[in-house]
């Protein structure tokens, strides 16, 4: 059988519950062998997308940059 490549990102990675759903999708078909993940989306209306935070970090003065990078890292942990 052919291998299947799956791409997940945005709102599908925004919370642990949604990531668990992705896990079930992947495990439901053994041909899904290549999984690509992109930046998580917003978890709620007040949240910022990771992509937007990366842009903010790139444009921020050096003294503010580390605060934004810390915020990004916190989202992944």
Protein backbone atom coordinates (compact mmCIF):
# COMPACT_ATOMS: atom_id res chain seq x y z
CA UNK A 1 0.00 0.00 0.00
CA UNK A 2 1.02 3.58 -0.54
CA UNK A 3 2.21 5.79 2.28
CA UNK A 4 0.03 8.73 3.23
CA UNK A 5 1.40 12.15 4.16
CA UNK A 6 -0.74 14.16 6.60
CA UNK A 7 -0.41 17.82 7.46
CA UNK A 8 -1.86 19.27 10.63
CA UNK A 9 -1.63 22.83 11.88
CA UNK A 10 -3.55 25.88 12.95
CA UNK A 11 -6.64 25.22 15.02
CA UNK A 12 -6.13 21.44 14.87
CA UNK A 13 -3.04 21.91 17.10
CA UNK A 14 -4.46 24.59 19.35
CA UNK A 15 -5.16 22.38 22.37
CA UNK A 16 -4.27 19.03 23.91
CA UNK A 17 -7.77 17.71 23.17
CA UNK A 18 -7.38 18.55 19.49
CA UNK A 19 -3.92 16.96 19.40
CA UNK A 20 -5.39 13.77 20.86
CA UNK A 21 -7.92 13.78 18.02
CA UNK A 22 -5.05 14.02 15.54
CA UNK A 23 -3.38 11.06 17.22
CA UNK A 24 -6.54 8.99 16.75
CA UNK A 25 -6.72 10.01 13.09
CA UNK A 26 -3.10 8.98 12.52
CA UNK A 27 -3.46 5.68 14.36
CA UNK A 28 -6.65 4.79 12.49
CA UNK A 29 -4.72 4.07 9.29
CA UNK A 30 -1.27 2.44 9.30
CA UNK A 31 -0.58 3.96 5.86
CA UNK A 32 -0.37 7.40 7.49
CA UNK A 33 3.40 7.29 7.89
CA UNK A 34 4.52 10.87 7.34
CA UNK A 35 3.13 13.55 9.61
CA UNK A 36 3.88 17.23 9.06
CA UNK A 37 2.92 19.72 11.75
CA UNK A 38 2.88 23.46 11.41
CA UNK A 39 2.36 26.23 13.93
CA UNK A 40 -0.55 25.93 16.35
CA UNK A 41 -3.43 28.34 15.95
CA UNK A 42 -5.38 30.38 18.47
CA UNK A 43 -6.77 28.56 21.51
CA UNK A 44 -9.28 31.33 22.20
CA UNK A 45 -10.28 34.77 20.94
CA UNK A 46 -7.70 36.58 23.11
CA UNK A 47 -4.84 34.33 21.98
CA UNK A 48 -2.20 35.08 19.33
CA UNK A 49 -1.22 32.65 16.60
CA UNK A 50 2.34 31.31 16.80
CA UNK A 51 3.03 32.67 13.31
CA UNK A 52 2.00 36.16 14.47
CA UNK A 53 4.20 35.84 17.56
CA UNK A 54 7.17 34.87 15.38
CA UNK A 55 6.61 37.98 13.28
CA UNK A 56 6.34 40.05 16.46
CA UNK A 57 9.63 38.58 17.71
CA UNK A 58 11.39 39.36 14.44
CA UNK A 59 10.20 42.97 14.52
CA UNK A 60 10.67 43.60 18.25
CA UNK A 61 13.57 45.51 19.76
CA UNK A 62 16.20 43.18 21.21
CA UNK A 63 15.11 43.76 24.82
CA UNK A 64 11.51 42.72 24.04
CA UNK A 65 12.40 39.85 21.71
CA UNK A 66 13.22 37.34 24.47
CA UNK A 67 9.86 37.89 26.16
CA UNK A 68 8.05 37.01 22.95
CA UNK A 69 10.27 33.97 22.32
CA UNK A 70 9.55 32.79 25.88
CA UNK A 71 5.84 33.11 25.18
CA UNK A 72 6.23 30.98 22.05
CA UNK A 73 8.18 28.31 23.95
CA UNK A 74 5.57 28.23 26.67
CA UNK A 75 2.87 27.41 24.09
CA UNK A 76 4.80 24.32 23.03
CA UNK A 77 5.40 23.11 26.57
